[in-house]
Amino acid sequence: MIRKNSWVQITKVILKPGERAINLPEPTKKVPLVMWVKGYLQNDAVIGSEVKIKTLTGRIESGVLVCENPSYMHTYGEFVPEILKIDQICKQTLFGGEFNE
């Protein structure tokens, strides 16, 4: 049981595949548009149940409860050597000489 006012994450289908725009790429058109939102649980609940949450901006959203205390996970893709070189060029241009972080 997850208690009211716990920090949680929900998911909700916004558009079913048949409701999506016709000009989308085929692989995109075949899947639903899904929203993931974090906020404070408004009532005690269990994972998988339909719940309401209050977001940090004060919006009330409803959806399926997927986890308690969700972490922030970011990925910007694989390493790209060219971006490292661009970083070095920018620092050289901005700060001159050897740039020591």
PDB file of N, CA and C in Angstrom:
ATOM      1  N   MET A   1       0.851  -1.180   0.000  1.00  0.00           N
ATOM      2  CA  MET A   1       0.000   0.000   0.000  1.00  0.00           C
ATOM      3  C   MET A   1       0.895   1.242   0.000  1.00  0.00           C
ATOM      4  N   ILE A   2       0.599   2.154  -0.895  1.00  0.00           N
ATOM      5  CA  ILE A   2       1.314   3.427  -0.955  1.00  0.00           C
ATOM      6  C   ILE A   2       0.398   4.479  -0.337  1.00  0.00           C
ATOM      7  N   ARG A   3       0.943   5.235   0.573  1.00  0.00           N
ATOM      8  CA  ARG A   3       0.157   6.187   1.352  1.00  0.00           C
ATOM      9  C   ARG A   3      -0.090   7.506   0.616  1.00  0.00           C
ATOM     10  N   LYS A   4      -1.204   8.127   0.950  1.00  0.00           N
ATOM     11  CA  LYS A   4      -1.562   9.443   0.442  1.00  0.00           C
ATOM     12  C   LYS A   4      -0.399  10.408   0.673  1.00  0.00           C
ATOM     13  N   ASN A   5      -0.192  11.308  -0.271  1.00  0.00           N
ATOM     14  CA  ASN A   5       0.869  12.331  -0.269  1.00  0.00           C
ATOM     15  C   ASN A   5       2.261  11.785  -0.569  1.00  0.00           C
ATOM     16  N   SER A   6       2.379  10.501  -0.918  1.00  0.00           N
ATOM     17  CA  SER A   6       3.669   9.958  -1.353  1.00  0.00           C
ATOM     18  C   SER A   6       3.982  10.483  -2.748  1.00  0.00           C
ATOM     19  N   TRP A   7       5.273  10.624  -3.061  1.00  0.00           N
ATOM     20  CA  TRP A   7       5.726  11.046  -4.389  1.00  0.00           C
ATOM     21  C   TRP A   7       5.663   9.831  -5.295  1.00  0.00           C
ATOM     22  N   VAL A   8       4.895   9.914  -6.379  1.00  0.00           N
ATOM     23  CA  VAL A   8       4.648   8.764  -7.249  1.00  0.00           C
ATOM     24  C   VAL A   8       4.696   9.160  -8.720  1.00  0.00           C
ATOM     25  N   GLN A   9       4.619   8.149  -9.570  1.00  0.00           N
ATOM     26  CA  GLN A   9       4.524   8.366 -11.014  1.00  0.00           C
ATOM     27  C   GLN A   9       3.335   7.589 -11.552  1.00  0.00           C
ATOM     28  N   ILE A  10       2.605   8.237 -12.472  1.00  0.00           N
ATOM     29  CA  ILE A  10       1.477   7.583 -13.137  1.00  0.00           C
ATOM     30  C   ILE A  10       1.708   7.584 -14.641  1.00  0.00           C
ATOM     31  N   THR A  11       0.931   6.772 -15.328  1.00  0.00           N
ATOM     32  CA  THR A  11       0.942   6.767 -16.786  1.00  0.00           C
ATOM     33  C   THR A  11      -0.500   6.802 -17.274  1.00  0.00           C
ATOM     34  N   LYS A  12      -0.666   7.364 -18.468  1.00  0.00           N
ATOM     35  CA  LYS A  12      -2.014   7.506 -19.034  1.00  0.00           C
ATOM     36  C   LYS A  12      -1.901   7.548 -20.553  1.00  0.00           C
ATOM     37  N   VAL A  13      -2.775   6.829 -21.243  1.00  0.00           N
ATOM     38  CA  VAL A  13      -2.809   6.877 -22.702  1.00  0.00           C
ATOM     39  C   VAL A  13      -3.563   8.138 -23.114  1.00  0.00           C
ATOM     40  N   ILE A  14      -2.893   8.993 -23.874  1.00  0.00           N
ATOM     41  CA  ILE A  14      -3.497  10.237 -24.350  1.00  0.00           C
ATOM     42  C   ILE A  14      -4.219  10.019 -25.677  1.00  0.00           C
ATOM     43  N   LEU A  15      -3.556   9.334 -26.599  1.00  0.00           N
ATOM     44  CA  LEU A  15      -4.160   9.013 -27.903  1.00  0.00           C
ATOM     45  C   LEU A  15      -3.904   7.550 -28.233  1.00  0.00           C
ATOM     46  N   LYS A  16      -4.953   6.841 -28.643  1.00  0.00           N
ATOM     47  CA  LYS A  16      -4.805   5.468 -29.110  1.00  0.00           C
ATOM     48  C   LYS A  16      -4.213   5.507 -30.516  1.00  0.00           C
ATOM     49  N   PRO A  17      -3.629   4.385 -30.993  1.00  0.00           N
ATOM     50  CA  PRO A  17      -3.004   4.399 -32.323  1.00  0.00           C
ATOM     51  C   PRO A  17      -3.910   4.946 -33.422  1.00  0.00           C
ATOM     52  N   GLY A  18      -5.165   4.602 -33.444  1.00  0.00           N
ATOM     53  CA  GLY A  18      -6.091   5.076 -34.476  1.00  0.00           C
ATOM     54  C   GLY A  18      -6.446   6.553 -34.373  1.00  0.00           C
ATOM     55  N   GLU A  19      -6.116   7.178 -33.267  1.00  0.00           N
ATOM     56  CA  GLU A  19      -6.444   8.583 -33.058  1.00  0.00           C
ATOM     57  C   GLU A  19      -5.269   9.519 -33.366  1.00  0.00           C
ATOM     58  N   ARG A  20      -4.118   8.947 -33.671  1.00  0.00           N
ATOM     59  CA  ARG A  20      -2.925   9.757 -33.900  1.00  0.00           C
ATOM     60  C   ARG A  20      -2.942  10.408 -35.282  1.00  0.00           C
ATOM     61  N   ALA A  21      -2.147  11.451 -35.473  1.00  0.00           N
ATOM     62  CA  ALA A  21      -2.098  12.193 -36.736  1.00  0.00           C
ATOM     63  C   ALA A  21      -1.703  11.278 -37.893  1.00  0.00           C
ATOM     64  N   ILE A  22      -2.278  11.520 -39.050  1.00  0.00           N
ATOM     65  CA  ILE A  22      -2.026  10.648 -40.204  1.00  0.00           C
ATOM     66  C   ILE A  22      -0.643  10.867 -40.819  1.00  0.00           C
ATOM     67  N   ASN A  23      -0.013  12.012 -40.550  1.00  0.00           N
ATOM     68  CA  ASN A  23       1.274  12.293 -41.179  1.00  0.00           C
ATOM     69  C   ASN A  23       2.464  11.806 -40.347  1.00  0.00           C
ATOM     70  N   LEU A  24       2.226  11.008 -39.319  1.00  0.00           N
ATOM     71  CA  LEU A  24       3.320  10.460 -38.518  1.00  0.00           C
ATOM     72  C   LEU A  24       3.982   9.296 -39.245  1.00  0.00           C
ATOM     73  N   PRO A  25       5.238   9.006 -38.948  1.00  0.00           N
ATOM     74  CA  PRO A  25       5.877   7.819 -39.506  1.00  0.00           C
ATOM     75  C   PRO A  25       5.107   6.562 -39.076  1.00  0.00           C
ATOM     76  N   GLU A  26       5.106   5.552 -39.899  1.00  0.00           N
ATOM     77  CA  GLU A  26       4.339   4.324 -39.634  1.00  0.00           C
ATOM     78  C   GLU A  26       4.634   3.719 -38.259  1.00  0.00           C
ATOM     79  N   PRO A  27       5.905   3.565 -37.862  1.00  0.00           N
ATOM     80  CA  PRO A  27       6.155   2.965 -36.544  1.00  0.00           C
ATOM     81  C   PRO A  27       5.541   3.782 -35.406  1.00  0.00           C
ATOM     82  N   THR A  28       5.506   5.096 -35.555  1.00  0.00           N
ATOM     83  CA  THR A  28       4.941   5.966 -34.523  1.00  0.00           C
ATOM     84  C   THR A  28       3.425   5.852 -34.486  1.00  0.00           C
ATOM     85  N   LYS A  29       2.785   5.766 -35.662  1.00  0.00           N
ATOM     86  CA  LYS A  29       1.326   5.664 -35.741  1.00  0.00           C
ATOM     87  C   LYS A  29       0.795   4.387 -35.102  1.00  0.00           C
ATOM     88  N   LYS A  30       1.633   3.360 -35.015  1.00  0.00           N
ATOM     89  CA  LYS A  30       1.179   2.055 -34.526  1.00  0.00           C
ATOM     90  C   LYS A  30       1.145   1.942 -33.004  1.00  0.00           C
ATOM     91  N   VAL A  31       1.654   2.940 -32.304  1.00  0.00           N
ATOM     92  CA  VAL A  31       1.688   2.872 -30.837  1.00  0.00           C
ATOM     93  C   VAL A  31       0.910   4.036 -30.238  1.00  0.00           C
ATOM     94  N   PRO A  32       0.394   3.859 -29.040  1.00  0.00           N
ATOM     95  CA  PRO A  32      -0.340   4.964 -28.404  1.00  0.00           C
ATOM     96  C   PRO A  32       0.609   6.075 -27.956  1.00  0.00           C
ATOM     97  N   LEU A  33       0.068   7.277 -27.821  1.00  0.00           N
ATOM     98  CA  LEU A  33       0.796   8.393 -27.222  1.00  0.00           C
ATOM     99  C   LEU A  33       0.547   8.298 -25.720  1.00  0.00           C
ATOM    100  N   VAL A  34       1.627   8.108 -24.963  1.00  0.00           N
ATOM    101  CA  VAL A  34       1.509   7.865 -23.529  1.00  0.00           C
ATOM    102  C   VAL A  34       2.132   9.013 -22.749  1.00  0.00           C
ATOM    103  N   MET A  35       1.462   9.424 -21.683  1.00  0.00           N
ATOM    104  CA  MET A  35       1.953  10.471 -20.797  1.00  0.00           C
ATOM    105  C   MET A  35       2.447   9.817 -19.504  1.00  0.00           C
ATOM    106  N   TRP A  36       3.588  10.286 -19.015  1.00  0.00           N
ATOM    107  CA  TRP A  36       4.122   9.865 -17.721  1.00  0.00           C
ATOM    108  C   TRP A  36       4.219  11.119 -16.865  1.00  0.00           C
ATOM    109  N   VAL A  37       3.647  11.088 -15.665  1.00  0.00           N
ATOM    110  CA  VAL A  37       3.605  12.275 -14.810  1.00  0.00           C
ATOM    111  C   VAL A  37       3.951  11.886 -13.372  1.00  0.00           C
ATOM    112  N   LYS A  38       4.692  12.783 -12.706  1.00  0.00           N
ATOM    113  CA  LYS A  38       5.030  12.576 -11.295  1.00  0.00           C
ATOM    114  C   LYS A  38       4.262  13.580 -10.448  1.00  0.00           C
ATOM    115  N   GLY A  39       3.904  13.168  -9.238  1.00  0.00           N
ATOM    116  CA  GLY A  39       3.192  14.061  -8.341  1.00  0.00           C
ATOM    117  C   GLY A  39       2.893  13.387  -7.022  1.00  0.00           C
ATOM    118  N   TYR A  40       2.096  14.074  -6.210  1.00  0.00           N
ATOM    119  CA  TYR A  40       1.734  13.580  -4.889  1.00  0.00           C
ATOM    120  C   TYR A  40       0.417  12.824  -4.950  1.00  0.00           C
ATOM    121  N   LEU A  41       0.434  11.599  -4.466  1.00  0.00           N
ATOM    122  CA  LEU A  41      -0.734  10.730  -4.462  1.00  0.00           C
ATOM    123  C   LEU A  41      -1.836  11.343  -3.606  1.00  0.00           C
ATOM    124  N   GLN A  42      -3.054  11.352  -4.127  1.00  0.00           N
ATOM    125  CA  GLN A  42      -4.163  11.999  -3.418  1.00  0.00           C
ATOM    126  C   GLN A  42      -4.934  11.063  -2.480  1.00  0.00           C
ATOM    127  N   ASN A  43      -4.759   9.757  -2.623  1.00  0.00           N
ATOM    128  CA  ASN A  43      -5.391   8.765  -1.736  1.00  0.00           C
ATOM    129  C   ASN A  43      -4.489   7.542  -1.648  1.00  0.00           C
ATOM    130  N   ASP A  44      -4.585   6.767  -0.579  1.00  0.00           N
ATOM    131  CA  ASP A  44      -3.839   5.515  -0.485  1.00  0.00           C
ATOM    132  C   ASP A  44      -4.170   4.645  -1.694  1.00  0.00           C
ATOM    133  N   ALA A  45      -3.179   3.927  -2.207  1.00  0.00           N
ATOM    134  CA  ALA A  45      -3.411   3.107  -3.401  1.00  0.00           C
ATOM    135  C   ALA A  45      -2.334   2.041  -3.525  1.00  0.00           C
ATOM    136  N   VAL A  46      -2.525   1.131  -4.474  1.00  0.00           N
ATOM    137  CA  VAL A  46      -1.533   0.098  -4.785  1.00  0.00           C
ATOM    138  C   VAL A  46      -1.103   0.262  -6.235  1.00  0.00           C
ATOM    139  N   ILE A  47       0.092  -0.210  -6.547  1.00  0.00           N
ATOM    140  CA  ILE A  47       0.609  -0.168  -7.914  1.00  0.00           C
ATOM    141  C   ILE A  47      -0.400  -0.835  -8.844  1.00  0.00           C
ATOM    142  N   GLY A  48      -0.647  -0.200  -9.980  1.00  0.00           N
ATOM    143  CA  GLY A  48      -1.573  -0.742 -10.971  1.00  0.00           C
ATOM    144  C   GLY A  48      -2.988  -0.201 -10.865  1.00  0.00           C
ATOM    145  N   SER A  49      -3.276   0.531  -9.801  1.00  0.00           N
ATOM    146  CA  SER A  49      -4.634   1.063  -9.653  1.00  0.00           C
ATOM    147  C   SER A  49      -4.749   2.446 -10.285  1.00  0.00           C
ATOM    148  N   GLU A  50      -5.971   2.826 -10.609  1.00  0.00           N
ATOM    149  CA  GLU A  50      -6.272   4.148 -11.164  1.00  0.00           C
ATOM    150  C   GLU A  50      -6.278   5.132 -10.004  1.00  0.00           C
ATOM    151  N   VAL A  51      -5.482   6.209 -10.129  1.00  0.00           N
ATOM    152  CA  VAL A  51      -5.330   7.170  -9.028  1.00  0.00           C
ATOM    153  C   VAL A  51      -5.343   8.593  -9.542  1.00  0.00           C
ATOM    154  N   LYS A  52      -5.393   9.525  -8.601  1.00  0.00           N
ATOM    155  CA  LYS A  52      -5.210  10.943  -8.896  1.00  0.00           C
ATOM    156  C   LYS A  52      -3.975  11.419  -8.161  1.00  0.00           C
ATOM    157  N   ILE A  53      -3.229  12.319  -8.828  1.00  0.00           N
ATOM    158  CA  ILE A  53      -2.054  12.919  -8.219  1.00  0.00           C
ATOM    159  C   ILE A  53      -2.134  14.428  -8.375  1.00  0.00           C
ATOM    160  N   LYS A  54      -1.366  15.120  -7.547  1.00  0.00           N
ATOM    161  CA  LYS A  54      -1.236  16.570  -7.676  1.00  0.00           C
ATOM    162  C   LYS A  54       0.210  16.843  -8.055  1.00  0.00           C
ATOM    163  N   THR A  55       0.419  17.476  -9.208  1.00  0.00           N
ATOM    164  CA  THR A  55       1.763  17.746  -9.702  1.00  0.00           C
ATOM    165  C   THR A  55       2.378  18.926  -8.965  1.00  0.00           C
ATOM    166  N   LEU A  56       3.664  19.147  -9.179  1.00  0.00           N
ATOM    167  CA  LEU A  56       4.347  20.274  -8.551  1.00  0.00           C
ATOM    168  C   LEU A  56       3.749  21.617  -8.965  1.00  0.00           C
ATOM    169  N   THR A  57       3.118  21.659 -10.127  1.00  0.00           N
ATOM    170  CA  THR A  57       2.491  22.906 -10.579  1.00  0.00           C
ATOM    171  C   THR A  57       1.043  23.031 -10.119  1.00  0.00           C
ATOM    172  N   GLY A  58       0.566  22.041  -9.355  1.00  0.00           N
ATOM    173  CA  GLY A  58      -0.785  22.107  -8.816  1.00  0.00           C
ATOM    174  C   GLY A  58      -1.862  21.460  -9.668  1.00  0.00           C
ATOM    175  N   ARG A  59      -1.488  20.895 -10.830  1.00  0.00           N
ATOM    176  CA  ARG A  59      -2.479  20.205 -11.674  1.00  0.00           C
ATOM    177  C   ARG A  59      -2.886  18.899 -11.015  1.00  0.00           C
ATOM    178  N   ILE A  60      -4.134  18.527 -11.179  1.00  0.00           N
ATOM    179  CA  ILE A  60      -4.613  17.210 -10.765  1.00  0.00           C
ATOM    180  C   ILE A  60      -4.673  16.353 -12.017  1.00  0.00           C
ATOM    181  N   GLU A  61      -3.960  15.236 -11.998  1.00  0.00           N
ATOM    182  CA  GLU A  61      -3.949  14.302 -13.130  1.00  0.00           C
ATOM    183  C   GLU A  61      -4.381  12.932 -12.638  1.00  0.00           C
ATOM    184  N   SER A  62      -4.973  12.152 -13.517  1.00  0.00           N
ATOM    185  CA  SER A  62      -5.344  10.781 -13.180  1.00  0.00           C
ATOM    186  C   SER A  62      -4.644   9.826 -14.128  1.00  0.00           C
ATOM    187  N   GLY A  63      -4.423   8.621 -13.644  1.00  0.00           N
ATOM    188  CA  GLY A  63      -3.773   7.608 -14.461  1.00  0.00           C
ATOM    189  C   GLY A  63      -3.495   6.376 -13.632  1.00  0.00           C
ATOM    190  N   VAL A  64      -2.739   5.456 -14.213  1.00  0.00           N
ATOM    191  CA  VAL A  64      -2.401   4.205 -13.543  1.00  0.00           C
ATOM    192  C   VAL A  64      -1.112   4.404 -12.753  1.00  0.00           C
ATOM    193  N   LEU A  65      -1.142   4.063 -11.480  1.00  0.00           N
ATOM    194  CA  LEU A  65       0.018   4.197 -10.598  1.00  0.00           C
ATOM    195  C   LEU A  65       1.074   3.176 -10.989  1.00  0.00           C
ATOM    196  N   VAL A  66       2.289   3.663 -11.321  1.00  0.00           N
ATOM    197  CA  VAL A  66       3.346   2.740 -11.752  1.00  0.00           C
ATOM    198  C   VAL A  66       4.494   2.612 -10.769  1.00  0.00           C
ATOM    199  N   CYS A  67       4.783   3.645  -9.962  1.00  0.00           N
ATOM    200  CA  CYS A  67       5.857   3.494  -8.978  1.00  0.00           C
ATOM    201  C   CYS A  67       5.814   4.578  -7.921  1.00  0.00           C
ATOM    202  N   GLU A  68       6.439   4.254  -6.792  1.00  0.00           N
ATOM    203  CA  GLU A  68       6.587   5.193  -5.688  1.00  0.00           C
ATOM    204  C   GLU A  68       8.024   5.688  -5.678  1.00  0.00           C
ATOM    205  N   ASN A  69       8.216   6.942  -5.333  1.00  0.00           N
ATOM    206  CA  ASN A  69       9.541   7.569  -5.278  1.00  0.00           C
ATOM    207  C   ASN A  69      10.330   7.372  -6.581  1.00  0.00           C
ATOM    208  N   PRO A  70       9.756   7.779  -7.717  1.00  0.00           N
ATOM    209  CA  PRO A  70      10.454   7.596  -8.997  1.00  0.00           C
ATOM    210  C   PRO A  70      11.728   8.444  -9.043  1.00  0.00           C
ATOM    211  N   SER A  71      12.745   7.891  -9.665  1.00  0.00           N
ATOM    212  CA  SER A  71      13.991   8.646  -9.803  1.00  0.00           C
ATOM    213  C   SER A  71      14.018   9.325 -11.165  1.00  0.00           C
ATOM    214  N   TYR A  72      14.912  10.274 -11.287  1.00  0.00           N
ATOM    215  CA  TYR A  72      15.091  10.954 -12.562  1.00  0.00           C
ATOM    216  C   TYR A  72      16.192  10.249 -13.324  1.00  0.00           C
ATOM    217  N   MET A  73      15.858   9.709 -14.479  1.00  0.00           N
ATOM    218  CA  MET A  73      16.814   8.966 -15.295  1.00  0.00           C
ATOM    219  C   MET A  73      16.904   9.670 -16.649  1.00  0.00           C
ATOM    220  N   HIS A  74      18.088  10.154 -16.988  1.00  0.00           N
ATOM    221  CA  HIS A  74      18.284  10.862 -18.242  1.00  0.00           C
ATOM    222  C   HIS A  74      19.304  10.131 -19.097  1.00  0.00           C
ATOM    223  N   THR A  75      19.068  10.135 -20.374  1.00  0.00           N
ATOM    224  CA  THR A  75      20.054   9.625 -21.305  1.00  0.00           C
ATOM    225  C   THR A  75      20.005  10.504 -22.550  1.00  0.00           C
ATOM    226  N   TYR A  76      21.152  10.823 -23.027  1.00  0.00           N
ATOM    227  CA  TYR A  76      21.238  11.653 -24.224  1.00  0.00           C
ATOM    228  C   TYR A  76      21.860  10.870 -25.371  1.00  0.00           C
ATOM    229  N   GLY A  77      21.747   9.559 -25.291  1.00  0.00           N
ATOM    230  CA  GLY A  77      22.250   8.715 -26.353  1.00  0.00           C
ATOM    231  C   GLY A  77      23.685   8.262 -26.124  1.00  0.00           C
ATOM    232  N   GLU A  78      24.225   7.648 -27.137  1.00  0.00           N
ATOM    233  CA  GLU A  78      25.582   7.110 -27.081  1.00  0.00           C
ATOM    234  C   GLU A  78      26.615   8.225 -27.184  1.00  0.00           C
ATOM    235  N   PHE A  79      27.835   7.917 -26.783  1.00  0.00           N
ATOM    236  CA  PHE A  79      28.952   8.857 -26.885  1.00  0.00           C
ATOM    237  C   PHE A  79      29.219   9.186 -28.345  1.00  0.00           C
ATOM    238  N   VAL A  80      29.410  10.485 -28.631  1.00  0.00           N
ATOM    239  CA  VAL A  80      29.701  10.938 -29.992  1.00  0.00           C
ATOM    240  C   VAL A  80      31.025  11.702 -29.943  1.00  0.00           C
ATOM    241  N   PRO A  81      32.108  11.140 -30.503  1.00  0.00           N
ATOM    242  CA  PRO A  81      33.425  11.772 -30.416  1.00  0.00           C
ATOM    243  C   PRO A  81      33.451  13.190 -30.974  1.00  0.00           C
ATOM    244  N   GLU A  82      32.663  13.452 -32.002  1.00  0.00           N
ATOM    245  CA  GLU A  82      32.633  14.789 -32.601  1.00  0.00           C
ATOM    246  C   GLU A  82      32.153  15.849 -31.606  1.00  0.00           C
ATOM    247  N   ILE A  83      31.234  15.469 -30.734  1.00  0.00           N
ATOM    248  CA  ILE A  83      30.734  16.428 -29.750  1.00  0.00           C
ATOM    249  C   ILE A  83      31.825  16.774 -28.741  1.00  0.00           C
ATOM    250  N   LEU A  84      32.650  15.824 -28.378  1.00  0.00           N
ATOM    251  CA  LEU A  84      33.773  16.096 -27.486  1.00  0.00           C
ATOM    252  C   LEU A  84      34.729  17.091 -28.139  1.00  0.00           C
ATOM    253  N   LYS A  85      34.991  16.924 -29.419  1.00  0.00           N
ATOM    254  CA  LYS A  85      35.876  17.844 -30.149  1.00  0.00           C
ATOM    255  C   LYS A  85      35.248  19.250 -30.204  1.00  0.00           C
ATOM    256  N   ILE A  86      33.954  19.326 -30.455  1.00  0.00           N
ATOM    257  CA  ILE A  86      33.260  20.614 -30.474  1.00  0.00           C
ATOM    258  C   ILE A  86      33.394  21.300 -29.121  1.00  0.00           C
ATOM    259  N   ASP A  87      33.255  20.535 -28.036  1.00  0.00           N
ATOM    260  CA  ASP A  87      33.411  21.070 -26.684  1.00  0.00           C
ATOM    261  C   ASP A  87      34.795  21.691 -26.511  1.00  0.00           C
ATOM    262  N   GLN A  88      35.809  20.994 -26.964  1.00  0.00           N
ATOM    263  CA  GLN A  88      37.179  21.500 -26.842  1.00  0.00           C
ATOM    264  C   GLN A  88      37.387  22.771 -27.665  1.00  0.00           C
ATOM    265  N   ILE A  89      36.849  22.799 -28.872  1.00  0.00           N
ATOM    266  CA  ILE A  89      36.969  23.981 -29.731  1.00  0.00           C
ATOM    267  C   ILE A  89      36.270  25.181 -29.089  1.00  0.00           C
ATOM    268  N   CYS A  90      35.076  24.965 -28.558  1.00  0.00           N
ATOM    269  CA  CYS A  90      34.327  26.063 -27.918  1.00  0.00           C
ATOM    270  C   CYS A  90      35.083  26.612 -26.713  1.00  0.00           C
ATOM    271  N   LYS A  91      35.608  25.736 -25.879  1.00  0.00           N
ATOM    272  CA  LYS A  91      36.345  26.192 -24.697  1.00  0.00           C
ATOM    273  C   LYS A  91      37.614  26.938 -25.099  1.00  0.00           C
ATOM    274  N   GLN A  92      38.296  26.462 -26.140  1.00  0.00           N
ATOM    275  CA  GLN A  92      39.503  27.132 -26.630  1.00  0.00           C
ATOM    276  C   GLN A  92      39.143  28.534 -27.129  1.00  0.00           C
ATOM    277  N   THR A  93      38.044  28.617 -27.875  1.00  0.00           N
ATOM    278  CA  THR A  93      37.613  29.905 -28.425  1.00  0.00           C
ATOM    279  C   THR A  93      37.183  30.879 -27.328  1.00  0.00           C
ATOM    280  N   LEU A  94      36.438  30.375 -26.363  1.00  0.00           N
ATOM    281  CA  LEU A  94      35.910  31.233 -25.303  1.00  0.00           C
ATOM    282  C   LEU A  94      36.958  31.639 -24.271  1.00  0.00           C
ATOM    283  N   PHE A  95      37.820  30.709 -23.904  1.00  0.00           N
ATOM    284  CA  PHE A  95      38.722  30.955 -22.787  1.00  0.00           C
ATOM    285  C   PHE A  95      40.195  31.017 -23.180  1.00  0.00           C
ATOM    286  N   GLY A  96      40.518  30.610 -24.403  1.00  0.00           N
ATOM    287  CA  GLY A  96      41.895  30.648 -24.866  1.00  0.00           C
ATOM    288  C   GLY A  96      42.815  29.704 -24.120  1.00  0.00           C
ATOM    289  N   GLY A  97      43.885  29.325 -24.758  1.00  0.00           N
ATOM    290  CA  GLY A  97      44.892  28.463 -24.127  1.00  0.00           C
ATOM    291  C   GLY A  97      44.295  27.154 -23.623  1.00  0.00           C
ATOM    292  N   GLU A  98      44.994  26.570 -22.654  1.00  0.00           N
ATOM    293  CA  GLU A  98      44.517  25.331 -22.051  1.00  0.00           C
ATOM    294  C   GLU A  98      43.371  25.657 -21.100  1.00  0.00           C
ATOM    295  N   PHE A  99      42.267  24.967 -21.211  1.00  0.00           N
ATOM    296  CA  PHE A  99      41.148  25.202 -20.323  1.00  0.00           C
ATOM    297  C   PHE A  99      41.132  24.090 -19.287  1.00  0.00           C
ATOM    298  N   ASN A 100      41.285  24.465 -18.048  1.00  0.00           N
ATOM    299  CA  ASN A 100      41.274  23.490 -16.962  1.00  0.00           C
ATOM    300  C   ASN A 100      39.972  23.620 -16.181  1.00  0.00           C
ATOM    301  N   GLU A 101      39.204  22.550 -16.168  1.00  0.00           N
ATOM    302  CA  GLU A 101      37.922  22.581 -15.455  1.00  0.00           C
ATOM    303  C   GLU A 101      38.133  22.452 -13.963  1.00  0.00           C
TER     304      GLU A 101
END
